[in-house]
Amino acid sequence: MTTPAISGQNLLRPTGLQCKDLHEYLKSGPPEVLEKLYHNPPICLAVFRELPVIARHYVMRLLFVEQPVPQAVIASWCSKLHSEEHQRVVQVLNELNIWKEASIPGGLPGWILNATFKKNLKIVLLGGGKPWTMSNQLETDSKPRDIAFLDSYALERWECVLHYMVGSQQQEGISADAVRILLHAGLMKRDEEDGSPVITQAGFQFLLLDTASQVWYFILQYLDTIQARSLDLVECLTFLFQLNFSTLGKDYSTEGMSEGLLTFLQHLREFGLVYQRKRKAGRFYPTRLALNIATGKNKPLVRDIEKEGYIVVETNYRVYAYTNSNLQVALLGLFCEMLYR
């Protein structure tokens, strides 16, 4: 049983935490970086997959057309009842540099797909191109990991981060890199008295997000620090989306990876996006956290589904929580004074 604690009230105030989706993130970067990203088929597929339905329809109709198509013709592909949605789609395709305006003989305005995006989207849809980074063949793993193990591992690693944020007893195992990201993102800050990290308003709002959104937001904050780590943003993003299109329960090879990419892989391992038995092992397994990245779909882990709990709030402000989750108990502890358990 608990009673409300005054210390947690400030965490309930509105905050400016904004979790960008993939398109918002790409639009916020320099145009030259976006063009470099489009040289990589996995990125093109990820961008295409997250487009609005009408935008995907336009792209597919233009994919094998080599000359500009009049804007009026493209507008006719969408019912006049959905003209506002058409205008929104036009804006999205312009902002992402997926197509560009081009003049047609006679002076009519037209649109044509970005040549780099078109070429690499064709490759990923039809086959061909260079092998993906992790596509090398492997011998059968003598100690294979099944999906249940990977789900359990991913949840354990990710909950290390969440336990650390709420200051629970179970915060062992969090990496120094993860702590730096939490501070960089403003999800935690140094206490003015003893300098220890404490949760912020933004951090509390972060805890209320679903797991997939939490991981994506955390990775975006990590990507902000890529240059300081002397890593290649384009290379890391490309690998991240290769993971996104991988198969859960299948192992992949690290052969041929650059030193920077191997470093990135270790960071993903610390955050629970991949499982690797040993740092120098030649194989790794993507987890469900990696497969959910940037899709907007929160496919819960098995142990997430099994968790149940209830909260009863009485008119005298006493709170009764029925849960066996230490993380949920620690979260309640931010707002309530624990009387007994």
C-alpha atoms as a PDB file:
ATOM      1  CA  MET A   1       0.000   0.000   0.000  1.00  0.00           C
ATOM      2  CA  THR A   2       1.248   3.490  -0.789  1.00  0.00           C
ATOM      3  CA  THR A   3       0.296   7.131  -0.343  1.00  0.00           C
ATOM      4  CA  PRO A   4       1.037   9.910  -2.851  1.00  0.00           C
ATOM      5  CA  ALA A   5       4.501  11.405  -2.483  1.00  0.00           C
ATOM      6  CA  ILE A   6       5.092  15.115  -3.041  1.00  0.00           C
ATOM      7  CA  SER A   7       8.485  14.455  -4.675  1.00  0.00           C
ATOM      8  CA  GLY A   8       6.885  12.970  -7.774  1.00  0.00           C
ATOM      9  CA  GLN A   9       4.489  15.815  -8.559  1.00  0.00           C
ATOM     10  CA  ASN A  10       6.890  17.745 -10.776  1.00  0.00           C
ATOM     11  CA  LEU A  11       7.273  14.709 -13.033  1.00  0.00           C
ATOM     12  CA  LEU A  12       3.609  14.985 -14.028  1.00  0.00           C
ATOM     13  CA  ARG A  13       3.957  18.444 -15.562  1.00  0.00           C
ATOM     14  CA  PRO A  14       3.816  18.644 -19.374  1.00  0.00           C
ATOM     15  CA  THR A  15       7.148  18.270 -21.112  1.00  0.00           C
ATOM     16  CA  GLY A  16       8.485  18.817 -24.597  1.00  0.00           C
ATOM     17  CA  LEU A  17       9.454  15.187 -25.224  1.00  0.00           C
ATOM     18  CA  GLN A  18       8.944  14.539 -28.924  1.00  0.00           C
ATOM     19  CA  CYS A  19       9.506  11.089 -30.400  1.00  0.00           C
ATOM     20  CA  LYS A  20      10.225  11.627 -34.098  1.00  0.00           C
ATOM     21  CA  ASP A  21       9.182   8.985 -36.569  1.00  0.00           C
ATOM     22  CA  LEU A  22      11.582   7.849 -39.291  1.00  0.00           C
ATOM     23  CA  HIS A  23      10.481  10.490 -41.793  1.00  0.00           C
ATOM     24  CA  GLU A  24      10.705  13.340 -39.286  1.00  0.00           C
ATOM     25  CA  TYR A  25      14.196  12.214 -38.355  1.00  0.00           C
ATOM     26  CA  LEU A  26      15.374  12.034 -41.971  1.00  0.00           C
ATOM     27  CA  LYS A  27      13.843  15.423 -42.824  1.00  0.00           C
ATOM     28  CA  SER A  28      15.664  17.042 -39.918  1.00  0.00           C
ATOM     29  CA  GLY A  29      19.094  16.159 -41.311  1.00  0.00           C
ATOM     30  CA  PRO A  30      21.139  17.789 -44.093  1.00  0.00           C
ATOM     31  CA  PRO A  31      19.934  16.991 -47.665  1.00  0.00           C
ATOM     32  CA  GLU A  32      23.342  15.586 -48.599  1.00  0.00           C
ATOM     33  CA  VAL A  33      23.089  12.984 -45.808  1.00  0.00           C
ATOM     34  CA  LEU A  34      19.660  11.942 -47.071  1.00  0.00           C
ATOM     35  CA  GLU A  35      21.072  11.510 -50.572  1.00  0.00           C
ATOM     36  CA  LYS A  36      23.904   9.333 -49.208  1.00  0.00           C
ATOM     37  CA  LEU A  37      21.372   7.219 -47.332  1.00  0.00           C
ATOM     38  CA  TYR A  38      19.432   6.596 -50.547  1.00  0.00           C
ATOM     39  CA  HIS A  39      22.466   4.805 -51.968  1.00  0.00           C
ATOM     40  CA  ASN A  40      21.603   1.956 -49.592  1.00  0.00           C
ATOM     41  CA  PRO A  41      18.676  -0.328 -50.520  1.00  0.00           C
ATOM     42  CA  PRO A  42      17.646  -1.118 -46.896  1.00  0.00           C
ATOM     43  CA  ILE A  43      17.163   2.591 -46.201  1.00  0.00           C
ATOM     44  CA  CYS A  44      15.066   3.030 -49.351  1.00  0.00           C
ATOM     45  CA  LEU A  45      12.857   0.104 -48.365  1.00  0.00           C
ATOM     46  CA  ALA A  46      12.452   1.423 -44.806  1.00  0.00           C
ATOM     47  CA  VAL A  47      11.475   4.876 -46.079  1.00  0.00           C
ATOM     48  CA  PHE A  48       9.082   3.407 -48.663  1.00  0.00           C
ATOM     49  CA  ARG A  49       7.451   1.129 -46.079  1.00  0.00           C
ATOM     50  CA  GLU A  50       6.640   4.050 -43.776  1.00  0.00           C
ATOM     51  CA  LEU A  51       5.127   6.258 -46.507  1.00  0.00           C
ATOM     52  CA  PRO A  52       1.363   6.923 -46.491  1.00  0.00           C
ATOM     53  CA  VAL A  53      -0.597   4.447 -48.631  1.00  0.00           C
ATOM     54  CA  ILE A  54      -1.249   6.968 -51.415  1.00  0.00           C
ATOM     55  CA  ALA A  55       2.432   7.947 -51.492  1.00  0.00           C
ATOM     56  CA  ARG A  56       3.447   4.298 -51.913  1.00  0.00           C
ATOM     57  CA  HIS A  57       0.909   4.035 -54.739  1.00  0.00           C
ATOM     58  CA  TYR A  58       2.440   7.036 -56.516  1.00  0.00           C
ATOM     59  CA  VAL A  59       5.988   5.704 -56.096  1.00  0.00           C
ATOM     60  CA  MET A  60       5.093   2.286 -57.497  1.00  0.00           C
ATOM     61  CA  ARG A  61       3.374   3.806 -60.534  1.00  0.00           C
ATOM     62  CA  LEU A  62       6.421   5.973 -61.232  1.00  0.00           C
ATOM     63  CA  LEU A  63       9.085   3.369 -60.449  1.00  0.00           C
ATOM     64  CA  PHE A  64       9.528   2.172 -64.043  1.00  0.00           C
ATOM     65  CA  VAL A  65       8.773   5.483 -65.765  1.00  0.00           C
ATOM     66  CA  GLU A  66      11.887   7.174 -67.117  1.00  0.00           C
ATOM     67  CA  GLN A  67      10.450  10.596 -67.967  1.00  0.00           C
ATOM     68  CA  PRO A  68       8.623  13.204 -65.859  1.00  0.00           C
ATOM     69  CA  VAL A  69       4.874  12.703 -65.445  1.00  0.00           C
ATOM     70  CA  PRO A  70       2.597  15.782 -65.476  1.00  0.00           C
ATOM     71  CA  GLN A  71       1.522  16.834 -62.005  1.00  0.00           C
ATOM     72  CA  ALA A  72      -2.082  17.033 -63.181  1.00  0.00           C
ATOM     73  CA  VAL A  73      -1.931  13.395 -64.291  1.00  0.00           C
ATOM     74  CA  ILE A  74      -0.587  12.278 -60.904  1.00  0.00           C
ATOM     75  CA  ALA A  75      -3.282  14.320 -59.146  1.00  0.00           C
ATOM     76  CA  SER A  76      -5.890  12.427 -61.186  1.00  0.00           C
ATOM     77  CA  TRP A  77      -4.715   9.157 -59.602  1.00  0.00           C
ATOM     78  CA  CYS A  78      -6.339  10.283 -56.352  1.00  0.00           C
ATOM     79  CA  SER A  79     -10.057  10.967 -55.925  1.00  0.00           C
ATOM     80  CA  LYS A  80     -10.991  14.640 -55.591  1.00  0.00           C
ATOM     81  CA  LEU A  81     -12.628  13.682 -52.305  1.00  0.00           C
ATOM     82  CA  HIS A  82      -9.112  13.119 -50.964  1.00  0.00           C
ATOM     83  CA  SER A  83      -7.435  16.219 -52.410  1.00  0.00           C
ATOM     84  CA  GLU A  84      -6.142  17.304 -48.993  1.00  0.00           C
ATOM     85  CA  GLU A  85      -4.469  13.945 -48.514  1.00  0.00           C
ATOM     86  CA  HIS A  86      -2.975  14.251 -52.005  1.00  0.00           C
ATOM     87  CA  GLN A  87      -1.445  17.604 -51.078  1.00  0.00           C
ATOM     88  CA  ARG A  88      -0.047  16.135 -47.872  1.00  0.00           C
ATOM     89  CA  VAL A  89       1.494  13.242 -49.818  1.00  0.00           C
ATOM     90  CA  VAL A  90       3.061  15.667 -52.308  1.00  0.00           C
ATOM     91  CA  GLN A  91       4.622  17.539 -49.388  1.00  0.00           C
ATOM     92  CA  VAL A  92       5.971  14.327 -47.829  1.00  0.00           C
ATOM     93  CA  LEU A  93       7.556  13.154 -51.093  1.00  0.00           C
ATOM     94  CA  ASN A  94       9.111  16.583 -51.609  1.00  0.00           C
ATOM     95  CA  GLU A  95      10.483  16.828 -48.061  1.00  0.00           C
ATOM     96  CA  LEU A  96      12.037  13.370 -48.289  1.00  0.00           C
ATOM     97  CA  ASN A  97      13.487  14.157 -51.719  1.00  0.00           C
ATOM     98  CA  ILE A  98      11.823  11.035 -53.126  1.00  0.00           C
ATOM     99  CA  TRP A  99      10.747  12.949 -56.198  1.00  0.00           C
ATOM    100  CA  LYS A 100      11.511  16.348 -57.665  1.00  0.00           C
ATOM    101  CA  GLU A 101       9.838  18.777 -60.013  1.00  0.00           C
ATOM    102  CA  ALA A 102      10.806  18.589 -63.661  1.00  0.00           C
ATOM    103  CA  SER A 103       9.619  20.449 -66.739  1.00  0.00           C
ATOM    104  CA  ILE A 104       7.847  18.608 -69.521  1.00  0.00           C
ATOM    105  CA  PRO A 105       8.094  19.703 -73.184  1.00  0.00           C
ATOM    106  CA  GLY A 106       5.411  22.318 -73.572  1.00  0.00           C
ATOM    107  CA  GLY A 107       6.052  23.861 -70.173  1.00  0.00           C
ATOM    108  CA  LEU A 108       3.839  21.612 -68.073  1.00  0.00           C
ATOM    109  CA  PRO A 109       5.114  20.983 -64.522  1.00  0.00           C
ATOM    110  CA  GLY A 110       5.857  17.362 -63.730  1.00  0.00           C
ATOM    111  CA  TRP A 111       7.408  15.072 -61.159  1.00  0.00           C
ATOM    112  CA  ILE A 112      10.083  12.430 -61.533  1.00  0.00           C
ATOM    113  CA  LEU A 113      11.472  10.067 -58.917  1.00  0.00           C
ATOM    114  CA  ASN A 114      14.883  10.723 -57.396  1.00  0.00           C
ATOM    115  CA  ALA A 115      17.189   8.578 -59.568  1.00  0.00           C
ATOM    116  CA  THR A 116      19.201   7.217 -56.612  1.00  0.00           C
ATOM    117  CA  PHE A 117      16.102   6.330 -54.600  1.00  0.00           C
ATOM    118  CA  LYS A 118      14.455   4.719 -57.629  1.00  0.00           C
ATOM    119  CA  LYS A 119      17.495   2.623 -58.511  1.00  0.00           C
ATOM    120  CA  ASN A 120      17.983   1.235 -55.000  1.00  0.00           C
ATOM    121  CA  LEU A 121      14.297   0.662 -54.309  1.00  0.00           C
ATOM    122  CA  LYS A 122      14.211  -1.433 -57.493  1.00  0.00           C
ATOM    123  CA  ILE A 123      17.191  -3.428 -56.228  1.00  0.00           C
ATOM    124  CA  VAL A 124      15.612  -4.213 -52.877  1.00  0.00           C
ATOM    125  CA  LEU A 125      12.249  -5.103 -54.446  1.00  0.00           C
ATOM    126  CA  LEU A 126      13.516  -7.080 -57.429  1.00  0.00           C
ATOM    127  CA  GLY A 127      16.850  -8.431 -56.194  1.00  0.00           C
ATOM    128  CA  GLY A 128      20.419  -7.723 -57.232  1.00  0.00           C
ATOM    129  CA  GLY A 129      22.981  -5.240 -56.008  1.00  0.00           C
ATOM    130  CA  LYS A 130      25.745  -5.834 -53.491  1.00  0.00           C
ATOM    131  CA  PRO A 131      25.264  -8.417 -50.713  1.00  0.00           C
ATOM    132  CA  TRP A 132      24.121  -6.928 -47.416  1.00  0.00           C
ATOM    133  CA  THR A 133      26.706  -6.516 -44.663  1.00  0.00           C
ATOM    134  CA  MET A 134      25.548  -9.505 -42.631  1.00  0.00           C
ATOM    135  CA  SER A 135      24.683 -11.850 -45.499  1.00  0.00           C
ATOM    136  CA  ASN A 136      27.759 -14.129 -45.325  1.00  0.00           C
ATOM    137  CA  GLN A 137      27.039 -17.812 -44.771  1.00  0.00           C
ATOM    138  CA  LEU A 138      27.641 -19.338 -41.338  1.00  0.00           C
ATOM    139  CA  GLU A 139      28.165 -22.845 -40.075  1.00  0.00           C
ATOM    140  CA  THR A 140      25.364 -24.171 -37.882  1.00  0.00           C
ATOM    141  CA  ASP A 141      25.541 -22.701 -34.373  1.00  0.00           C
ATOM    142  CA  SER A 142      26.449 -25.391 -31.838  1.00  0.00           C
ATOM    143  CA  LYS A 143      24.415 -23.502 -29.213  1.00  0.00           C
ATOM    144  CA  PRO A 144      21.551 -21.903 -31.135  1.00  0.00           C
ATOM    145  CA  ARG A 145      19.288 -19.379 -29.418  1.00  0.00           C
ATOM    146  CA  ASP A 146      15.539 -19.646 -29.862  1.00  0.00           C
ATOM    147  CA  ILE A 147      13.002 -16.827 -29.989  1.00  0.00           C
ATOM    148  CA  ALA A 148      11.932 -17.264 -26.356  1.00  0.00           C
ATOM    149  CA  PHE A 149      15.539 -16.815 -25.205  1.00  0.00           C
ATOM    150  CA  LEU A 150      16.037 -13.743 -27.415  1.00  0.00           C
ATOM    151  CA  ASP A 151      12.821 -12.137 -26.140  1.00  0.00           C
ATOM    152  CA  SER A 152      13.864 -12.771 -22.544  1.00  0.00           C
ATOM    153  CA  TYR A 153      17.373 -11.415 -23.188  1.00  0.00           C
ATOM    154  CA  ALA A 154      16.107  -8.277 -24.954  1.00  0.00           C
ATOM    155  CA  LEU A 155      13.628  -7.504 -22.187  1.00  0.00           C
ATOM    156  CA  GLU A 156      16.254  -8.053 -19.504  1.00  0.00           C
ATOM    157  CA  ARG A 157      18.753  -5.739 -21.201  1.00  0.00           C
ATOM    158  CA  TRP A 158      16.191  -3.027 -21.894  1.00  0.00           C
ATOM    159  CA  GLU A 159      14.743  -3.180 -18.394  1.00  0.00           C
ATOM    160  CA  CYS A 160      18.254  -2.544 -17.048  1.00  0.00           C
ATOM    161  CA  VAL A 161      17.948   0.922 -18.595  1.00  0.00           C
ATOM    162  CA  LEU A 162      14.447   1.479 -17.189  1.00  0.00           C
ATOM    163  CA  HIS A 163      15.387   0.213 -13.710  1.00  0.00           C
ATOM    164  CA  TYR A 164      18.318   2.618 -13.686  1.00  0.00           C
ATOM    165  CA  MET A 165      16.035   5.521 -14.603  1.00  0.00           C
ATOM    166  CA  VAL A 166      13.615   4.891 -11.732  1.00  0.00           C
ATOM    167  CA  GLY A 167      16.410   4.159  -9.252  1.00  0.00           C
ATOM    168  CA  SER A 168      15.271   0.657  -8.391  1.00  0.00           C
ATOM    169  CA  GLN A 169      17.365  -2.009  -6.706  1.00  0.00           C
ATOM    170  CA  GLN A 170      17.729  -3.964  -9.983  1.00  0.00           C
ATOM    171  CA  GLN A 171      19.944  -1.604 -11.956  1.00  0.00           C
ATOM    172  CA  GLU A 172      23.053  -3.735 -12.241  1.00  0.00           C
ATOM    173  CA  GLY A 173      24.412  -4.317 -15.703  1.00  0.00           C
ATOM    174  CA  ILE A 174      23.651  -0.968 -17.329  1.00  0.00           C
ATOM    175  CA  SER A 175      26.542   0.185 -19.489  1.00  0.00           C
ATOM    176  CA  ALA A 176      28.320   3.515 -19.160  1.00  0.00           C
ATOM    177  CA  ASP A 177      27.274   4.254 -22.758  1.00  0.00           C
ATOM    178  CA  ALA A 178      23.602   3.853 -21.877  1.00  0.00           C
ATOM    179  CA  VAL A 179      23.974   6.235 -18.927  1.00  0.00           C
ATOM    180  CA  ARG A 180      25.646   8.825 -21.160  1.00  0.00           C
ATOM    181  CA  ILE A 181      22.779   8.574 -23.659  1.00  0.00           C
ATOM    182  CA  LEU A 182      20.188   9.071 -20.900  1.00  0.00           C
ATOM    183  CA  LEU A 183      22.007  12.215 -19.767  1.00  0.00           C
ATOM    184  CA  HIS A 184      22.526  13.468 -23.324  1.00  0.00           C
ATOM    185  CA  ALA A 185      18.813  12.996 -24.088  1.00  0.00           C
ATOM    186  CA  GLY A 186      17.743  14.908 -20.989  1.00  0.00           C
ATOM    187  CA  LEU A 187      15.926  11.843 -19.656  1.00  0.00           C
ATOM    188  CA  MET A 188      18.131  12.063 -16.580  1.00  0.00           C
ATOM    189  CA  LYS A 189      20.258  14.832 -15.089  1.00  0.00           C
ATOM    190  CA  ARG A 190      22.969  15.150 -12.471  1.00  0.00           C
ATOM    191  CA  ASP A 191      21.646  15.830  -8.981  1.00  0.00           C
ATOM    192  CA  GLU A 192      22.798  19.247  -7.765  1.00  0.00           C
ATOM    193  CA  GLU A 193      23.814  17.887  -4.366  1.00  0.00           C
ATOM    194  CA  ASP A 194      25.655  14.623  -4.976  1.00  0.00           C
ATOM    195  CA  GLY A 195      25.975  14.539  -8.780  1.00  0.00           C
ATOM    196  CA  SER A 196      24.156  11.227  -9.165  1.00  0.00           C
ATOM    197  CA  PRO A 197      21.795  10.835 -12.166  1.00  0.00           C
ATOM    198  CA  VAL A 198      18.100  11.427 -11.375  1.00  0.00           C
ATOM    199  CA  ILE A 199      15.066  11.153 -13.640  1.00  0.00           C
ATOM    200  CA  THR A 200      13.640  14.294 -15.282  1.00  0.00           C
ATOM    201  CA  GLN A 201      10.149  15.256 -16.470  1.00  0.00           C
ATOM    202  CA  ALA A 202      11.118  14.109 -19.959  1.00  0.00           C
ATOM    203  CA  GLY A 203      12.377  10.852 -18.472  1.00  0.00           C
ATOM    204  CA  PHE A 204       9.036  10.135 -16.865  1.00  0.00           C
ATOM    205  CA  GLN A 205       7.204  10.814 -20.134  1.00  0.00           C
ATOM    206  CA  PHE A 206       9.681   8.454 -21.782  1.00  0.00           C
ATOM    207  CA  LEU A 207       8.676   5.685 -19.353  1.00  0.00           C
ATOM    208  CA  LEU A 208       5.045   6.048 -20.453  1.00  0.00           C
ATOM    209  CA  LEU A 209       5.903   5.278 -24.099  1.00  0.00           C
ATOM    210  CA  ASP A 210       5.497   1.752 -25.436  1.00  0.00           C
ATOM    211  CA  THR A 211       8.692  -0.293 -25.657  1.00  0.00           C
ATOM    212  CA  ALA A 212       9.192   0.119 -29.421  1.00  0.00           C
ATOM    213  CA  SER A 213       8.889   3.922 -29.141  1.00  0.00           C
ATOM    214  CA  GLN A 214      11.249   3.963 -26.155  1.00  0.00           C
ATOM    215  CA  VAL A 215      13.903   2.034 -28.067  1.00  0.00           C
ATOM    216  CA  TRP A 216      13.537   4.179 -31.206  1.00  0.00           C
ATOM    217  CA  TYR A 217      13.765   7.415 -29.199  1.00  0.00           C
ATOM    218  CA  PHE A 218      16.812   6.106 -27.349  1.00  0.00           C
ATOM    219  CA  ILE A 219      18.510   5.092 -30.605  1.00  0.00           C
ATOM    220  CA  LEU A 220      17.820   8.528 -32.123  1.00  0.00           C
ATOM    221  CA  GLN A 221      19.576  10.113 -29.150  1.00  0.00           C
ATOM    222  CA  TYR A 222      22.466   7.692 -29.638  1.00  0.00           C
ATOM    223  CA  LEU A 223      22.699   8.661 -33.315  1.00  0.00           C
ATOM    224  CA  ASP A 224      23.099  12.290 -32.233  1.00  0.00           C
ATOM    225  CA  THR A 225      26.409  11.250 -30.672  1.00  0.00           C
ATOM    226  CA  ILE A 226      27.685   9.271 -33.672  1.00  0.00           C
ATOM    227  CA  GLN A 227      30.187  11.884 -34.854  1.00  0.00           C
ATOM    228  CA  ALA A 228      31.635  12.267 -31.349  1.00  0.00           C
ATOM    229  CA  ARG A 229      32.235   8.499 -31.399  1.00  0.00           C
ATOM    230  CA  SER A 230      34.018   8.757 -34.790  1.00  0.00           C
ATOM    231  CA  LEU A 231      31.420   6.459 -36.373  1.00  0.00           C
ATOM    232  CA  ASP A 232      29.790   6.798 -39.798  1.00  0.00           C
ATOM    233  CA  LEU A 233      26.115   7.804 -39.520  1.00  0.00           C
ATOM    234  CA  VAL A 234      25.166   6.433 -42.940  1.00  0.00           C
ATOM    235  CA  GLU A 235      26.900   3.102 -42.281  1.00  0.00           C
ATOM    236  CA  CYS A 236      25.257   2.717 -38.857  1.00  0.00           C
ATOM    237  CA  LEU A 237      21.768   3.649 -40.084  1.00  0.00           C
ATOM    238  CA  THR A 238      22.069   1.262 -43.013  1.00  0.00           C
ATOM    239  CA  PHE A 239      23.046  -1.577 -40.691  1.00  0.00           C
ATOM    240  CA  LEU A 240      20.232  -0.682 -38.297  1.00  0.00           C
ATOM    241  CA  PHE A 241      17.670  -1.127 -41.065  1.00  0.00           C
ATOM    242  CA  GLN A 242      19.271  -4.312 -42.278  1.00  0.00           C
ATOM    243  CA  LEU A 243      18.564  -5.584 -38.762  1.00  0.00           C
ATOM    244  CA  ASN A 244      15.021  -4.313 -39.107  1.00  0.00           C
ATOM    245  CA  PHE A 245      14.489  -6.613 -42.102  1.00  0.00           C
ATOM    246  CA  SER A 246      16.220  -9.618 -40.531  1.00  0.00           C
ATOM    247  CA  THR A 247      14.548 -12.826 -39.317  1.00  0.00           C
ATOM    248  CA  LEU A 248      13.920 -13.324 -35.618  1.00  0.00           C
ATOM    249  CA  GLY A 249      15.713 -16.426 -34.342  1.00  0.00           C
ATOM    250  CA  LYS A 250      18.254 -16.513 -37.195  1.00  0.00           C
ATOM    251  CA  ASP A 251      21.962 -15.878 -36.620  1.00  0.00           C
ATOM    252  CA  TYR A 252      24.012 -13.572 -38.857  1.00  0.00           C
ATOM    253  CA  SER A 253      27.712 -13.200 -39.587  1.00  0.00           C
ATOM    254  CA  THR A 254      29.989 -10.332 -38.555  1.00  0.00           C
ATOM    255  CA  GLU A 255      32.490 -11.182 -41.301  1.00  0.00           C
ATOM    256  CA  GLY A 256      33.433  -8.192 -43.420  1.00  0.00           C
ATOM    257  CA  MET A 257      32.181  -5.579 -40.946  1.00  0.00           C
ATOM    258  CA  SER A 258      34.303  -2.474 -40.474  1.00  0.00           C
ATOM    259  CA  GLU A 259      35.749  -1.634 -37.055  1.00  0.00           C
ATOM    260  CA  GLY A 260      33.207   1.155 -36.691  1.00  0.00           C
ATOM    261  CA  LEU A 261      30.335  -1.200 -37.431  1.00  0.00           C
ATOM    262  CA  LEU A 262      31.646  -3.756 -34.941  1.00  0.00           C
ATOM    263  CA  THR A 263      31.738  -1.009 -32.305  1.00  0.00           C
ATOM    264  CA  PHE A 264      28.158  -0.064 -33.197  1.00  0.00           C
ATOM    265  CA  LEU A 265      27.159  -3.726 -32.906  1.00  0.00           C
ATOM    266  CA  GLN A 266      28.546  -3.849 -29.361  1.00  0.00           C
ATOM    267  CA  HIS A 267      26.496  -0.819 -28.389  1.00  0.00           C
ATOM    268  CA  LEU A 268      23.358  -2.433 -29.822  1.00  0.00           C
ATOM    269  CA  ARG A 269      24.259  -5.524 -27.827  1.00  0.00           C
ATOM    270  CA  GLU A 270      24.406  -3.458 -24.625  1.00  0.00           C
ATOM    271  CA  PHE A 271      20.953  -2.015 -25.348  1.00  0.00           C
ATOM    272  CA  GLY A 272      19.393  -5.426 -26.091  1.00  0.00           C
ATOM    273  CA  LEU A 273      18.880  -5.029 -29.850  1.00  0.00           C
ATOM    274  CA  VAL A 274      21.204  -7.921 -30.665  1.00  0.00           C
ATOM    275  CA  TYR A 275      22.460 -10.954 -28.775  1.00  0.00           C
ATOM    276  CA  GLN A 276      26.081 -12.033 -29.110  1.00  0.00           C
ATOM    277  CA  ARG A 277      27.521 -14.793 -26.958  1.00  0.00           C
ATOM    278  CA  LYS A 278      30.985 -13.226 -26.829  1.00  0.00           C
ATOM    279  CA  ARG A 279      32.311  -9.921 -28.066  1.00  0.00           C
ATOM    280  CA  LYS A 280      34.598 -11.640 -30.595  1.00  0.00           C
ATOM    281  CA  ALA A 281      32.058 -14.237 -31.679  1.00  0.00           C
ATOM    282  CA  GLY A 282      31.587 -14.294 -35.432  1.00  0.00           C
ATOM    283  CA  ARG A 283      27.802 -14.368 -35.224  1.00  0.00           C
ATOM    284  CA  PHE A 284      24.945 -12.482 -33.598  1.00  0.00           C
ATOM    285  CA  TYR A 285      21.164 -12.734 -33.310  1.00  0.00           C
ATOM    286  CA  PRO A 286      18.892  -9.685 -33.804  1.00  0.00           C
ATOM    287  CA  THR A 287      16.186  -9.434 -31.140  1.00  0.00           C
ATOM    288  CA  ARG A 288      12.602  -8.266 -31.457  1.00  0.00           C
ATOM    289  CA  LEU A 289      13.691  -4.784 -30.309  1.00  0.00           C
ATOM    290  CA  ALA A 290      15.728  -4.441 -33.521  1.00  0.00           C
ATOM    291  CA  LEU A 291      12.938  -5.822 -35.702  1.00  0.00           C
ATOM    292  CA  ASN A 292      10.457  -3.307 -34.248  1.00  0.00           C
ATOM    293  CA  ILE A 293      12.744  -0.314 -34.790  1.00  0.00           C
ATOM    294  CA  ALA A 294      11.116   2.732 -36.473  1.00  0.00           C
ATOM    295  CA  THR A 295       8.084   0.777 -37.679  1.00  0.00           C
ATOM    296  CA  GLY A 296       5.584   2.346 -35.318  1.00  0.00           C
ATOM    297  CA  LYS A 297       4.476  -1.172 -34.391  1.00  0.00           C
ATOM    298  CA  ASN A 298       4.955  -2.360 -30.843  1.00  0.00           C
ATOM    299  CA  LYS A 299       4.993  -6.146 -31.026  1.00  0.00           C
ATOM    300  CA  PRO A 300       5.220  -7.021 -27.338  1.00  0.00           C
ATOM    301  CA  LEU A 301       7.777  -9.433 -25.980  1.00  0.00           C
ATOM    302  CA  VAL A 302       6.401 -12.656 -24.500  1.00  0.00           C
ATOM    303  CA  ARG A 303       7.020 -11.596 -20.909  1.00  0.00           C
ATOM    304  CA  ASP A 304       5.338  -8.252 -21.655  1.00  0.00           C
ATOM    305  CA  ILE A 305       2.158 -10.119 -22.609  1.00  0.00           C
ATOM    306  CA  GLU A 306       2.246 -12.234 -19.461  1.00  0.00           C
ATOM    307  CA  LYS A 307       2.483  -9.247 -17.124  1.00  0.00           C
ATOM    308  CA  GLU A 308      -0.720  -8.214 -15.396  1.00  0.00           C
ATOM    309  CA  GLY A 309      -1.357  -5.692 -12.680  1.00  0.00           C
ATOM    310  CA  TYR A 310      -3.973  -3.463 -11.156  1.00  0.00           C
ATOM    311  CA  ILE A 311      -3.985  -0.154  -9.334  1.00  0.00           C
ATOM    312  CA  VAL A 312      -6.757   0.898  -6.951  1.00  0.00           C
ATOM    313  CA  VAL A 313      -6.932   4.536  -5.834  1.00  0.00           C
ATOM    314  CA  GLU A 314      -9.223   5.247  -2.884  1.00  0.00           C
ATOM    315  CA  THR A 315     -10.952   8.554  -2.155  1.00  0.00           C
ATOM    316  CA  ASN A 316      -8.542   9.056   0.752  1.00  0.00           C
ATOM    317  CA  TYR A 317      -5.683   8.964  -1.798  1.00  0.00           C
ATOM    318  CA  ARG A 318      -4.368   5.617  -0.681  1.00  0.00           C
ATOM    319  CA  VAL A 319      -3.029   3.617  -3.610  1.00  0.00           C
ATOM    320  CA  TYR A 320      -3.055  -0.178  -3.770  1.00  0.00           C
ATOM    321  CA  ALA A 321      -0.939  -1.754  -6.508  1.00  0.00           C
ATOM    322  CA  TYR A 322      -1.264  -5.423  -7.468  1.00  0.00           C
ATOM    323  CA  THR A 323       1.826  -6.328  -9.452  1.00  0.00           C
ATOM    324  CA  ASN A 324       4.862  -8.593  -9.295  1.00  0.00           C
ATOM    325  CA  SER A 325       6.960  -6.221 -11.421  1.00  0.00           C
ATOM    326  CA  ASN A 326       9.805  -4.594  -9.521  1.00  0.00           C
ATOM    327  CA  LEU A 327      10.024  -1.987 -12.278  1.00  0.00           C
ATOM    328  CA  GLN A 328       6.381  -0.964 -11.822  1.00  0.00           C
ATOM    329  CA  VAL A 329       6.835  -0.826  -8.050  1.00  0.00           C
ATOM    330  CA  ALA A 330       9.888   1.422  -8.473  1.00  0.00           C
ATOM    331  CA  LEU A 331       7.945   3.642 -10.886  1.00  0.00           C
ATOM    332  CA  LEU A 332       5.113   4.019  -8.361  1.00  0.00           C
ATOM    333  CA  GLY A 333       7.753   4.898  -5.796  1.00  0.00           C
ATOM    334  CA  LEU A 334       8.472   8.106  -7.721  1.00  0.00           C
ATOM    335  CA  PHE A 335       4.977   9.370  -6.892  1.00  0.00           C
ATOM    336  CA  CYS A 336       3.959   7.509  -3.755  1.00  0.00           C
ATOM    337  CA  GLU A 337       5.413   6.847  -0.345  1.00  0.00           C
ATOM    338  CA  MET A 338       5.629   3.102   0.177  1.00  0.00           C
ATOM    339  CA  LEU A 339       3.984   2.082   3.454  1.00  0.00           C
ATOM    340  CA  TYR A 340       4.157  -1.684   3.132  1.00  0.00           C
ATOM    341  CA  ARG A 341       4.648  -4.357   0.523  1.00  0.00           C
END
